[in-house]
Amino acid sequence: MAVGISIKHFSALLFLLFILPVGQLHAAENKNLWISEAGQPTRLAQELVGRLATSWQHGLDPNDYRAAYWEAQIKKPTISAAAFEKGLDDVSVLYIRHLSGPRVSPSAGGGRASDWRKPLAASSIKAALQEGHDIDDIEHDILPQGRLYSALQDELQTLSEKIRLGDAREKVLPIRTGRTLRVGDTHPSIRLIRYRLGMSANESTGAEYFDDNLAMALAGYQKKHGIIPDGIIGPQTLAALNKTNKARYQQVVTTLERLRWLSPVPPERYITVNIPQAWLWAMDDGSVVFDMPVIAGRKERGTQTFKTQVTGVRFNPSWSVPDTIKVEDYWPKLRENSAYFDDKEISVYSFDNETGEPRKVVSGETDWNNISEDDFKKLRMVQSAGDLNALGRIRVLMPNEYNIYLHDTNTPSLFKKNDRFLSSGCIRLSDPARVADFVLQDNEGWNKARLKELLDSPKTRDIKTERPFPIYLLYQTVWLENGNRIIFGPDPYGWDATLYNALRH
């Protein structure tokens, strides 16, 4: 496989595949691509059939392209030219479309089709092939070029071999503990955990005793799986121990699929948040400017995946409470204690049915048990800017229909947790000032002193960035740590399982 193509070659292929509108494509010369005048498969046909057979290396299923059938066809001494030409025309389009965008609706994996790349049009694929571009050229220009994609392909081969050979240590799964285990505990499951880690029993204390050696082994295992290496068997560590090679294989397949939903050429400057990792990166000119832990939505209020533009920063924001939080969180509290809002700086307003004029509601004097859900939703609840505000001092402006954004928090201690799926959908930042500085760094007159001035002032201010850029909220349960080590993370919302099932049906 070629390691690169010339700029001239790339530009011509990019023009055919992505830039030229379908309606303006010149009618391609009607020539056979797959069978020669002598009635034999062309080099292009042999290349394509070989790629179909190894399509599993992209997480695809060779059976979807009848790979075995086409391998048999090209070996035949005589071939039906018309059927062969038509069949490979169709399968080449299907294969390349699957490599150039979603194979199923992104809604199966927690996304929306309009946010992600669309598969190439059949007419664009046929035009590129007729122009003389081979499969290798096209793959090179439509597939993700980052290190993660190629590392996942290598991992897929490794996992395939492990699955083929079998792993005796998986026979003890699932391991159940019923509680968190730590040094000094004795539990029957500790014997199984030792076996899972390839450790022998401690001769002096027995296989079911949690000793320091086990804690050290667990810390190493946790580090390899993106978990805080505390040497304790909590829910996240137990979930990793219970993960089979087949489950990891499925994670790689879905991550490869999601990577192909993104443009193969990233923008110059952008922010990305990987929800399962609960982590953020700020990128500029191909380099990581900084990264940080974040808090994402909890399972029942998962953070939606999407892309949008960062347009600025709001300093000292107020917070309008969303309906979900109003009804599910605050209403039960108010029915128990009508003065619940008194120390939270949350003001409640009702609206006159005729004039629409707001009227302040005194929460401590309201009978919250005698109000309907519909009427409760109509109330407006606003938390004033300040130290108690749930958004903290900074909110990143990023228009989207989900009302999800990046913001500061008044509970910074939560960033120390392994499980950081704790919000109601928004992304809480561990270092919001750094993000604000990144957003506004190209504004005229912007500096650290100006940032401090805005944060110290109690006034709410919106500062637009002079250089808007994309932000991506992604859902990738496998990632690279330090650029080279594969980490298998959690599937907090179950979206990987849903996506994998959709891909296989």
Protein backbone atom coordinates (compact mmCIF):
# COMPACT_ATOMS: atom_id res chain seq x y z
CA MET A 1 0.00 0.00 0.00
CA ALA A 2 1.34 3.40 -0.97
CA VAL A 3 2.48 5.62 1.88
CA GLY A 4 1.50 8.81 0.07
CA ILE A 5 0.39 10.39 -3.16
CA SER A 6 1.47 13.51 -4.95
CA ILE A 7 -0.25 16.85 -4.30
CA LYS A 8 -1.40 16.92 -7.92
CA HIS A 9 -2.80 13.40 -7.62
CA PHE A 10 -4.46 14.15 -4.29
CA SER A 11 -6.04 17.38 -5.57
CA ALA A 12 -7.51 15.66 -8.61
CA LEU A 13 -8.96 12.83 -6.53
CA LEU A 14 -10.25 15.17 -3.84
CA PHE A 15 -11.99 17.20 -6.56
CA LEU A 16 -13.71 14.12 -7.93
CA LEU A 17 -14.70 12.66 -4.57
CA PHE A 18 -15.65 15.62 -2.42
CA ILE A 19 -15.63 19.00 -4.12
CA LEU A 20 -17.33 18.63 -7.49
CA PRO A 21 -21.14 18.58 -7.09
CA VAL A 22 -22.71 15.35 -8.25
CA GLY A 23 -24.85 17.14 -10.83
CA GLN A 24 -21.73 18.62 -12.47
CA LEU A 25 -19.78 15.40 -12.87
CA HIS A 26 -18.79 14.82 -16.46
CA ALA A 27 -20.21 11.65 -17.88
CA ALA A 28 -17.49 9.09 -17.40
CA GLU A 29 -16.25 7.22 -20.41
CA ASN A 30 -18.22 3.98 -20.66
CA LYS A 31 -15.31 1.58 -20.46
CA ASN A 32 -14.91 -1.72 -18.70
CA LEU A 33 -13.05 -1.43 -15.43
CA TRP A 34 -13.09 -4.98 -14.16
CA ILE A 35 -12.57 -7.25 -17.17
CA SER A 36 -10.10 -6.93 -20.03
CA GLU A 37 -10.76 -7.27 -23.73
CA ALA A 38 -9.27 -10.75 -23.40
CA GLY A 39 -12.00 -11.65 -20.92
CA GLN A 40 -9.72 -11.73 -17.85
CA PRO A 41 -10.02 -9.80 -14.56
CA THR A 42 -8.10 -6.53 -14.68
CA ARG A 43 -5.51 -5.50 -12.12
CA LEU A 44 -8.15 -3.18 -10.62
CA ALA A 45 -10.56 -6.12 -10.26
CA GLN A 46 -7.94 -8.19 -8.47
CA GLU A 47 -7.10 -5.26 -6.20
CA LEU A 48 -10.76 -4.75 -5.31
CA VAL A 49 -11.44 -8.44 -4.62
CA GLY A 50 -8.37 -8.58 -2.39
CA ARG A 51 -9.64 -5.57 -0.44
CA LEU A 52 -13.07 -7.17 -0.03
CA ALA A 53 -11.47 -10.26 1.50
CA THR A 54 -9.52 -8.16 4.02
CA SER A 55 -12.31 -5.65 4.68
CA TRP A 56 -12.59 -7.06 8.23
CA GLN A 57 -9.42 -5.09 8.98
CA HIS A 58 -11.61 -1.96 8.87
CA GLY A 59 -14.22 -3.59 11.09
CA LEU A 60 -16.35 -4.46 8.05
CA ASP A 61 -17.87 -7.85 7.25
CA PRO A 62 -16.50 -9.49 4.03
CA ASN A 63 -19.80 -11.34 3.70
CA ASP A 64 -21.54 -8.03 3.03
CA TYR A 65 -19.56 -7.86 -0.23
CA ARG A 66 -19.73 -11.60 -1.09
CA ALA A 67 -15.92 -11.62 -0.87
CA ALA A 68 -15.61 -15.43 -1.11
CA TYR A 69 -17.83 -15.47 -4.21
CA TRP A 70 -15.72 -12.86 -5.99
CA GLU A 71 -12.48 -14.62 -5.03
CA ALA A 72 -13.83 -17.74 -6.71
CA GLN A 73 -14.98 -15.77 -9.78
CA ILE A 74 -11.59 -14.24 -10.60
CA LYS A 75 -10.02 -17.71 -10.55
CA LYS A 76 -12.38 -19.10 -13.17
CA PRO A 77 -10.91 -19.71 -16.66
CA THR A 78 -13.94 -18.07 -18.29
CA ILE A 79 -16.07 -15.27 -16.89
CA SER A 80 -19.43 -13.84 -17.90
CA ALA A 81 -18.21 -10.35 -18.83
CA ALA A 82 -21.48 -8.46 -18.40
CA ALA A 83 -22.36 -10.02 -15.03
CA PHE A 84 -18.79 -9.64 -13.75
CA GLU A 85 -18.61 -5.98 -14.79
CA LYS A 86 -22.01 -5.11 -13.33
CA GLY A 87 -21.37 -7.06 -10.12
CA LEU A 88 -18.01 -5.44 -9.35
CA ASP A 89 -19.42 -2.02 -10.27
CA ASP A 90 -22.05 -2.46 -7.57
CA VAL A 91 -19.79 -3.98 -4.93
CA SER A 92 -17.04 -1.36 -5.42
CA VAL A 93 -19.58 1.39 -4.75
CA LEU A 94 -20.92 -0.39 -1.66
CA TYR A 95 -17.44 -1.02 -0.24
CA ILE A 96 -16.17 2.54 -0.79
CA ARG A 97 -19.37 4.08 0.55
CA HIS A 98 -18.97 2.00 3.70
CA LEU A 99 -15.43 3.36 4.13
CA SER A 100 -16.43 6.97 3.53
CA GLY A 101 -19.23 7.51 6.03
CA PRO A 102 -21.84 5.89 8.29
CA ARG A 103 -22.99 2.41 7.28
CA VAL A 104 -26.11 2.80 9.41
CA SER A 105 -27.90 5.81 10.79
CA PRO A 106 -25.73 7.54 13.43
CA SER A 107 -28.84 7.61 15.61
CA ALA A 108 -28.08 3.94 16.35
CA GLY A 109 -24.96 5.13 18.16
CA GLY A 110 -26.17 8.28 19.86
CA GLY A 111 -25.67 10.67 16.96
CA ARG A 112 -27.48 12.59 14.24
CA ALA A 113 -26.76 12.11 10.53
CA SER A 114 -26.56 15.84 9.78
CA ASP A 115 -23.60 16.25 12.13
CA TRP A 116 -21.33 13.74 10.42
CA ARG A 117 -19.81 12.97 7.05
CA LYS A 118 -22.10 11.53 4.37
CA PRO A 119 -20.93 8.50 2.35
CA LEU A 120 -19.63 9.28 -1.12
CA ALA A 121 -22.17 9.36 -3.92
CA ALA A 122 -22.08 6.38 -6.29
CA SER A 123 -21.54 8.73 -9.23
CA SER A 124 -18.45 10.25 -7.56
CA ILE A 125 -16.97 6.79 -6.90
CA LYS A 126 -17.56 5.62 -10.46
CA ALA A 127 -16.11 8.83 -11.87
CA ALA A 128 -12.95 8.46 -9.76
CA LEU A 129 -12.49 4.86 -10.92
CA GLN A 130 -13.10 5.78 -14.56
CA GLU A 131 -10.51 8.54 -14.23
CA GLY A 132 -7.92 5.88 -13.42
CA HIS A 133 -7.71 6.15 -9.62
CA ASP A 134 -7.23 2.76 -8.03
CA ILE A 135 -8.69 1.44 -4.76
CA ASP A 136 -5.52 2.25 -2.87
CA ASP A 137 -5.66 5.92 -3.90
CA ILE A 138 -9.29 6.26 -2.93
CA GLU A 139 -8.84 4.53 0.44
CA HIS A 140 -5.88 6.72 1.23
CA ASP A 141 -7.91 9.88 0.75
CA ILE A 142 -11.16 8.88 2.45
CA LEU A 143 -9.89 7.00 5.52
CA PRO A 144 -8.83 8.70 8.78
CA GLN A 145 -5.13 9.47 8.66
CA GLY A 146 -4.52 9.72 12.41
CA ARG A 147 -2.54 7.24 14.48
CA LEU A 148 -5.64 5.92 16.25
CA TYR A 149 -7.18 4.37 13.14
CA SER A 150 -4.09 2.37 12.19
CA ALA A 151 -3.50 1.36 15.82
CA LEU A 152 -7.06 0.05 16.03
CA GLN A 153 -6.54 -1.96 12.86
CA ASP A 154 -3.49 -3.60 14.45
CA GLU A 155 -5.46 -4.26 17.63
CA LEU A 156 -8.28 -5.83 15.62
CA GLN A 157 -5.84 -8.37 14.18
CA THR A 158 -4.42 -9.12 17.64
CA LEU A 159 -7.88 -9.62 19.12
CA SER A 160 -8.95 -11.82 16.20
CA GLU A 161 -6.06 -14.14 16.91
CA LYS A 162 -6.79 -14.20 20.64
CA ILE A 163 -10.42 -15.07 19.95
CA ARG A 164 -9.36 -17.82 17.55
CA LEU A 165 -6.99 -19.37 20.10
CA GLY A 166 -9.31 -18.86 23.07
CA ASP A 167 -8.45 -17.61 26.55
CA ALA A 168 -8.95 -20.00 29.49
CA ARG A 169 -8.97 -17.08 31.94
CA GLU A 170 -12.24 -15.84 30.42
CA LYS A 171 -14.02 -18.98 31.64
CA VAL A 172 -14.35 -17.50 35.15
CA LEU A 173 -16.31 -14.50 33.85
CA PRO A 174 -18.37 -12.74 34.94
CA ILE A 175 -16.77 -12.09 38.31
CA ARG A 176 -19.13 -10.64 40.91
CA THR A 177 -18.07 -9.02 44.17
CA GLY A 178 -21.22 -7.30 45.42
CA ARG A 179 -19.12 -4.52 46.96
CA THR A 180 -15.87 -2.60 46.64
CA LEU A 181 -12.81 -4.63 47.66
CA ARG A 182 -9.48 -3.30 48.93
CA VAL A 183 -6.32 -4.41 50.76
CA GLY A 184 -7.17 -6.42 53.87
CA ASP A 185 -10.47 -7.80 52.56
CA THR A 186 -11.23 -11.50 52.17
CA HIS A 187 -13.70 -12.54 49.48
CA PRO A 188 -14.24 -15.66 47.31
CA SER A 189 -14.03 -13.53 44.13
CA ILE A 190 -10.44 -12.53 44.91
CA ARG A 191 -9.34 -16.05 43.90
CA LEU A 192 -10.97 -15.50 40.47
CA ILE A 193 -9.47 -12.04 40.11
CA ARG A 194 -6.01 -13.46 40.78
CA TYR A 195 -6.59 -16.08 38.10
CA ARG A 196 -7.88 -13.41 35.68
CA LEU A 197 -4.67 -11.41 36.22
CA GLY A 198 -2.46 -14.50 35.93
CA MET A 199 -1.37 -14.34 39.58
CA SER A 200 -0.74 -17.24 41.88
CA ALA A 201 -2.17 -17.43 45.40
CA ASN A 202 -0.38 -15.93 48.36
CA GLU A 203 0.91 -18.98 50.27
CA SER A 204 0.81 -17.30 53.67
CA THR A 205 -2.61 -15.59 53.49
CA GLY A 206 -4.47 -17.66 50.88
CA ALA A 207 -5.95 -16.98 47.44
CA GLU A 208 -9.03 -15.19 48.78
CA TYR A 209 -7.13 -12.55 50.76
CA PHE A 210 -6.54 -9.10 49.20
CA ASP A 211 -2.84 -8.40 49.81
CA ASP A 212 -0.43 -5.68 48.72
CA ASN A 213 0.83 -7.70 45.74
CA LEU A 214 -2.68 -7.91 44.33
CA ALA A 215 -3.15 -4.17 44.85
CA MET A 216 0.06 -3.48 42.90
CA ALA A 217 -1.01 -5.79 40.07
CA LEU A 218 -4.43 -4.14 39.97
CA ALA A 219 -2.88 -0.67 39.83
CA GLY A 220 -0.89 -1.70 36.76
CA TYR A 221 -4.00 -3.21 35.19
CA GLN A 222 -6.02 -0.07 35.94
CA LYS A 223 -3.40 2.17 34.36
CA LYS A 224 -3.55 0.11 31.16
CA HIS A 225 -7.32 0.55 31.05
CA GLY A 226 -7.55 4.27 31.69
CA ILE A 227 -8.67 3.91 35.32
CA ILE A 228 -7.19 5.81 38.25
CA PRO A 229 -4.60 3.30 39.57
CA ASP A 230 -5.80 3.10 43.16
CA GLY A 231 -5.44 -0.70 43.53
CA ILE A 232 -9.09 -0.99 44.61
CA ILE A 233 -11.71 -3.22 42.97
CA GLY A 234 -14.60 -0.83 42.38
CA PRO A 235 -17.33 -0.95 39.70
CA GLN A 236 -15.14 0.43 36.90
CA THR A 237 -12.25 -1.94 37.60
CA LEU A 238 -14.59 -4.91 37.88
CA ALA A 239 -16.22 -3.99 34.55
CA ALA A 240 -12.78 -3.94 32.89
CA LEU A 241 -11.86 -7.33 34.40
CA ASN A 242 -15.12 -8.78 33.10
CA LYS A 243 -14.57 -7.56 29.55
CA THR A 244 -13.83 -10.40 27.11
CA ASN A 245 -11.71 -10.30 23.97
CA LYS A 246 -14.91 -10.53 21.94
CA ALA A 247 -16.31 -7.47 23.74
CA ARG A 248 -13.07 -5.58 23.07
CA TYR A 249 -13.24 -6.63 19.40
CA GLN A 250 -16.72 -5.13 19.18
CA GLN A 251 -15.47 -1.91 20.79
CA VAL A 252 -12.75 -1.61 18.15
CA VAL A 253 -15.26 -2.20 15.34
CA THR A 254 -17.58 0.55 16.58
CA THR A 255 -14.70 2.97 17.17
CA LEU A 256 -13.38 2.42 13.64
CA GLU A 257 -16.90 3.06 12.37
CA ARG A 258 -17.25 6.29 14.33
CA LEU A 259 -13.84 7.53 13.19
CA ARG A 260 -15.02 7.23 9.58
CA TRP A 261 -17.92 9.57 10.37
CA LEU A 262 -15.37 12.39 10.72
CA SER A 263 -13.65 14.24 7.91
CA PRO A 264 -10.35 12.51 7.04
CA VAL A 265 -8.65 15.92 7.21
CA PRO A 266 -9.26 17.66 10.59
CA PRO A 267 -9.61 21.45 10.78
CA GLU A 268 -6.63 23.58 11.74
CA ARG A 269 -8.05 24.53 15.13
CA TYR A 270 -10.71 22.78 17.17
CA ILE A 271 -11.80 21.35 20.52
CA THR A 272 -12.85 17.75 20.92
CA VAL A 273 -14.47 16.01 23.89
CA ASN A 274 -14.53 12.23 24.09
CA ILE A 275 -17.55 11.42 26.25
CA PRO A 276 -16.63 7.85 27.39
CA GLN A 277 -13.17 9.06 28.35
CA ALA A 278 -14.58 12.22 29.99
CA TRP A 279 -11.66 14.16 28.54
CA LEU A 280 -11.13 17.29 26.42
CA TRP A 281 -8.38 18.33 23.98
CA ALA A 282 -7.68 21.74 22.46
CA MET A 283 -5.94 21.35 19.10
CA ASP A 284 -4.11 23.88 16.95
CA ASP A 285 -2.14 23.22 13.77
CA GLY A 286 -2.09 19.46 14.39
CA SER A 287 -0.74 19.71 17.94
CA VAL A 288 -2.35 19.34 21.36
CA VAL A 289 -2.31 22.75 23.06
CA PHE A 290 -3.69 21.27 26.30
CA ASP A 291 -6.02 18.56 27.55
CA MET A 292 -8.05 18.10 30.72
CA PRO A 293 -10.53 15.86 32.52
CA VAL A 294 -14.17 16.85 32.21
CA ILE A 295 -17.49 15.70 33.64
CA ALA A 296 -20.08 14.36 31.16
CA GLY A 297 -23.75 13.48 31.43
CA ARG A 298 -24.90 10.61 33.59
CA LYS A 299 -26.51 7.59 31.94
CA GLU A 300 -30.11 8.76 32.21
CA ARG A 301 -29.11 12.23 30.92
CA GLY A 302 -26.38 11.35 28.48
CA THR A 303 -24.36 14.00 26.66
CA GLN A 304 -25.43 14.07 23.01
CA THR A 305 -22.79 13.67 20.30
CA PHE A 306 -22.68 16.47 17.74
CA LYS A 307 -20.46 19.10 16.18
CA THR A 308 -20.96 22.86 16.15
CA GLN A 309 -18.99 26.12 16.23
CA VAL A 310 -17.48 27.82 19.27
CA THR A 311 -18.49 31.47 18.96
CA GLY A 312 -17.33 33.00 22.24
CA VAL A 313 -17.46 32.93 26.03
CA ARG A 314 -20.02 34.14 28.56
CA PHE A 315 -18.47 35.33 31.82
CA ASN A 316 -20.45 35.19 35.07
CA PRO A 317 -23.48 33.53 33.49
CA SER A 318 -26.90 33.15 35.04
CA TRP A 319 -28.57 29.76 34.62
CA SER A 320 -32.06 29.06 33.35
CA VAL A 321 -33.04 25.68 34.78
CA PRO A 322 -34.05 23.16 32.05
CA ASP A 323 -37.40 21.35 32.27
CA THR A 324 -35.80 17.98 33.02
CA ILE A 325 -33.95 19.30 36.07
CA LYS A 326 -36.97 21.33 37.17
CA VAL A 327 -39.32 18.36 37.16
CA GLU A 328 -37.03 15.48 38.13
CA ASP A 329 -34.70 17.21 40.59
CA TYR A 330 -36.25 20.37 42.00
CA TRP A 331 -39.94 19.58 42.15
CA PRO A 332 -39.54 16.65 44.60
CA LYS A 333 -37.26 18.81 46.76
CA LEU A 334 -39.73 21.70 46.81
CA ARG A 335 -42.61 19.40 47.74
CA GLU A 336 -40.55 18.19 50.70
CA ASN A 337 -39.31 21.66 51.64
CA SER A 338 -40.93 24.74 50.10
CA ALA A 339 -37.91 26.84 51.17
CA TYR A 340 -35.44 24.64 49.25
CA PHE A 341 -34.45 27.52 46.93
CA ASP A 342 -33.84 30.06 49.68
CA ASP A 343 -30.07 29.52 49.88
CA LYS A 344 -29.49 28.72 46.19
CA GLU A 345 -30.12 32.16 44.68
CA ILE A 346 -32.73 30.67 42.33
CA SER A 347 -35.61 32.98 41.45
CA VAL A 348 -38.94 31.59 40.21
CA TYR A 349 -41.27 33.43 37.84
CA SER A 350 -44.76 32.72 36.52
CA PHE A 351 -46.29 34.49 33.51
CA ASP A 352 -49.66 36.16 33.14
CA ASN A 353 -51.79 34.18 30.67
CA GLU A 354 -53.07 37.33 28.95
CA THR A 355 -50.19 39.78 29.04
CA GLY A 356 -47.27 37.40 29.37
CA GLU A 357 -45.82 39.61 32.07
CA PRO A 358 -43.57 37.81 34.60
CA ARG A 359 -44.46 37.64 38.28
CA LYS A 360 -42.01 36.53 40.94
CA VAL A 361 -43.10 33.44 42.87
CA VAL A 362 -42.09 33.21 46.53
CA SER A 363 -41.10 29.55 46.75
CA GLY A 364 -41.38 29.37 50.55
CA GLU A 365 -44.97 30.55 50.40
CA THR A 366 -46.08 28.25 47.59
CA ASP A 367 -47.87 24.92 48.01
CA TRP A 368 -45.80 22.87 45.58
CA ASN A 369 -47.93 19.77 46.15
CA ASN A 370 -50.96 21.41 44.53
CA ILE A 371 -49.48 22.30 41.15
CA SER A 372 -49.64 20.23 37.97
CA GLU A 373 -46.56 19.13 36.06
CA ASP A 374 -47.57 21.24 33.05
CA ASP A 375 -47.94 24.35 35.21
CA PHE A 376 -44.65 23.59 36.97
CA LYS A 377 -42.86 23.38 33.61
CA LYS A 378 -44.24 26.79 32.64
CA LEU A 379 -42.45 28.40 35.58
CA ARG A 380 -39.13 30.03 34.80
CA MET A 381 -36.34 29.30 37.25
CA VAL A 382 -33.19 31.37 37.05
CA GLN A 383 -30.08 31.08 39.19
CA SER A 384 -28.18 34.34 39.55
CA ALA A 385 -24.54 34.67 38.54
CA GLY A 386 -22.09 34.11 41.37
CA ASP A 387 -20.29 31.51 43.41
CA LEU A 388 -23.40 29.35 43.88
CA ASN A 389 -24.23 29.25 40.17
CA ALA A 390 -24.19 25.72 38.71
CA LEU A 391 -22.32 27.03 35.63
CA GLY A 392 -19.57 28.64 37.67
CA ARG A 393 -17.95 31.74 36.18
CA ILE A 394 -17.52 30.62 32.54
CA ARG A 395 -19.81 29.24 29.85
CA VAL A 396 -18.53 28.51 26.34
CA LEU A 397 -20.92 29.77 23.65
CA MET A 398 -21.55 26.95 21.16
CA PRO A 399 -25.04 27.09 19.57
CA ASN A 400 -26.84 23.72 19.37
CA GLU A 401 -30.37 22.40 19.61
CA TYR A 402 -29.58 20.24 22.65
CA ASN A 403 -28.77 23.16 24.97
CA ILE A 404 -25.46 21.45 25.78
CA TYR A 405 -22.35 23.51 26.36
CA LEU A 406 -19.00 23.55 28.16
CA HIS A 407 -18.97 25.37 31.47
CA ASP A 408 -17.29 25.92 34.82
CA THR A 409 -18.64 24.20 37.95
CA ASN A 410 -19.10 24.96 41.63
CA THR A 411 -18.20 21.34 42.58
CA PRO A 412 -14.55 20.91 41.41
CA SER A 413 -13.92 17.95 43.75
CA LEU A 414 -15.82 15.66 41.34
CA PHE A 415 -12.93 15.73 38.84
CA LYS A 416 -10.97 13.39 41.12
CA LYS A 417 -13.46 10.58 40.55
CA ASN A 418 -12.93 7.64 38.20
CA ASP A 419 -16.57 7.73 37.13
CA ARG A 420 -17.15 11.27 35.85
CA PHE A 421 -20.57 10.71 34.26
CA LEU A 422 -22.35 12.98 36.71
CA SER A 423 -23.87 15.97 34.91
CA SER A 424 -27.30 16.52 33.40
CA GLY A 425 -25.82 16.55 29.89
CA CYS A 426 -23.48 19.53 29.75
CA ILE A 427 -19.69 19.22 29.92
CA ARG A 428 -18.11 20.61 33.09
CA LEU A 429 -14.53 21.84 32.73
CA SER A 430 -11.74 21.24 35.22
CA ASP A 431 -9.83 24.31 33.94
CA PRO A 432 -12.44 26.61 32.37
CA ALA A 433 -10.17 29.67 32.36
CA ARG A 434 -7.74 27.88 30.08
CA VAL A 435 -10.52 27.00 27.66
CA ALA A 436 -11.78 30.60 27.69
CA ASP A 437 -8.26 31.83 26.94
CA PHE A 438 -7.98 29.38 24.01
CA VAL A 439 -11.31 30.56 22.58
CA LEU A 440 -10.44 34.25 22.79
CA GLN A 441 -6.66 34.24 22.31
CA ASP A 442 -6.83 35.80 18.82
CA ASN A 443 -9.05 38.70 19.87
CA GLU A 444 -7.41 42.09 19.63
CA GLY A 445 -6.18 43.21 23.04
CA TRP A 446 -6.81 39.87 24.67
CA ASN A 447 -4.43 38.89 27.48
CA LYS A 448 -4.37 37.27 30.93
CA ALA A 449 -5.13 40.58 32.62
CA ARG A 450 -8.30 40.98 30.56
CA LEU A 451 -9.35 37.44 31.48
CA LYS A 452 -8.81 38.15 35.17
CA GLU A 453 -10.76 41.40 34.91
CA LEU A 454 -13.78 39.62 33.42
CA LEU A 455 -13.67 36.84 36.02
CA ASP A 456 -13.35 39.27 38.93
CA SER A 457 -16.29 41.37 37.79
CA PRO A 458 -19.78 40.27 38.91
CA LYS A 459 -21.19 41.52 35.60
CA THR A 460 -22.41 39.06 32.97
CA ARG A 461 -20.52 39.63 29.70
CA ASP A 462 -20.55 37.84 26.34
CA ILE A 463 -17.24 38.08 24.48
CA LYS A 464 -17.37 36.87 20.88
CA THR A 465 -14.30 35.20 19.44
CA GLU A 466 -12.78 36.79 16.36
CA ARG A 467 -11.87 33.31 15.17
CA PRO A 468 -14.76 30.81 15.52
CA PHE A 469 -13.78 27.16 15.24
CA PRO A 470 -15.40 23.70 15.39
CA ILE A 471 -16.06 21.65 18.50
CA TYR A 472 -16.75 17.92 18.39
CA LEU A 473 -18.48 15.91 21.10
CA LEU A 474 -17.59 12.31 20.28
CA TYR A 475 -18.32 8.85 21.65
CA GLN A 476 -15.24 6.64 21.25
CA THR A 477 -14.83 3.88 23.82
CA VAL A 478 -11.29 3.01 22.68
CA TRP A 479 -8.52 5.59 22.57
CA LEU A 480 -4.76 6.04 22.59
CA GLU A 481 -2.85 7.10 25.68
CA ASN A 482 0.50 8.83 25.16
CA GLY A 483 0.02 8.35 21.44
CA ASN A 484 0.68 4.63 21.37
CA ARG A 485 -1.12 2.57 24.04
CA ILE A 486 -4.62 1.32 23.35
CA ILE A 487 -7.06 1.98 26.20
CA PHE A 488 -10.41 0.19 26.37
CA GLY A 489 -12.81 2.46 28.18
CA PRO A 490 -16.41 2.12 29.35
CA ASP A 491 -19.59 2.26 27.27
CA PRO A 492 -21.46 4.45 29.77
CA TYR A 493 -24.65 4.88 27.73
CA GLY A 494 -24.67 1.47 25.99
CA TRP A 495 -24.39 3.20 22.60
CA ASP A 496 -21.55 0.95 21.40
CA ALA A 497 -23.63 -2.15 21.98
CA THR A 498 -26.56 -0.60 20.09
CA LEU A 499 -24.37 0.49 17.20
CA TYR A 500 -22.60 -2.86 16.90
CA ASN A 501 -25.95 -4.69 16.74
CA ALA A 502 -27.14 -2.30 14.04
CA LEU A 503 -23.97 -2.86 12.00
CA ARG A 504 -24.37 -6.63 12.16
CA HIS A 505 -28.05 -6.74 11.15
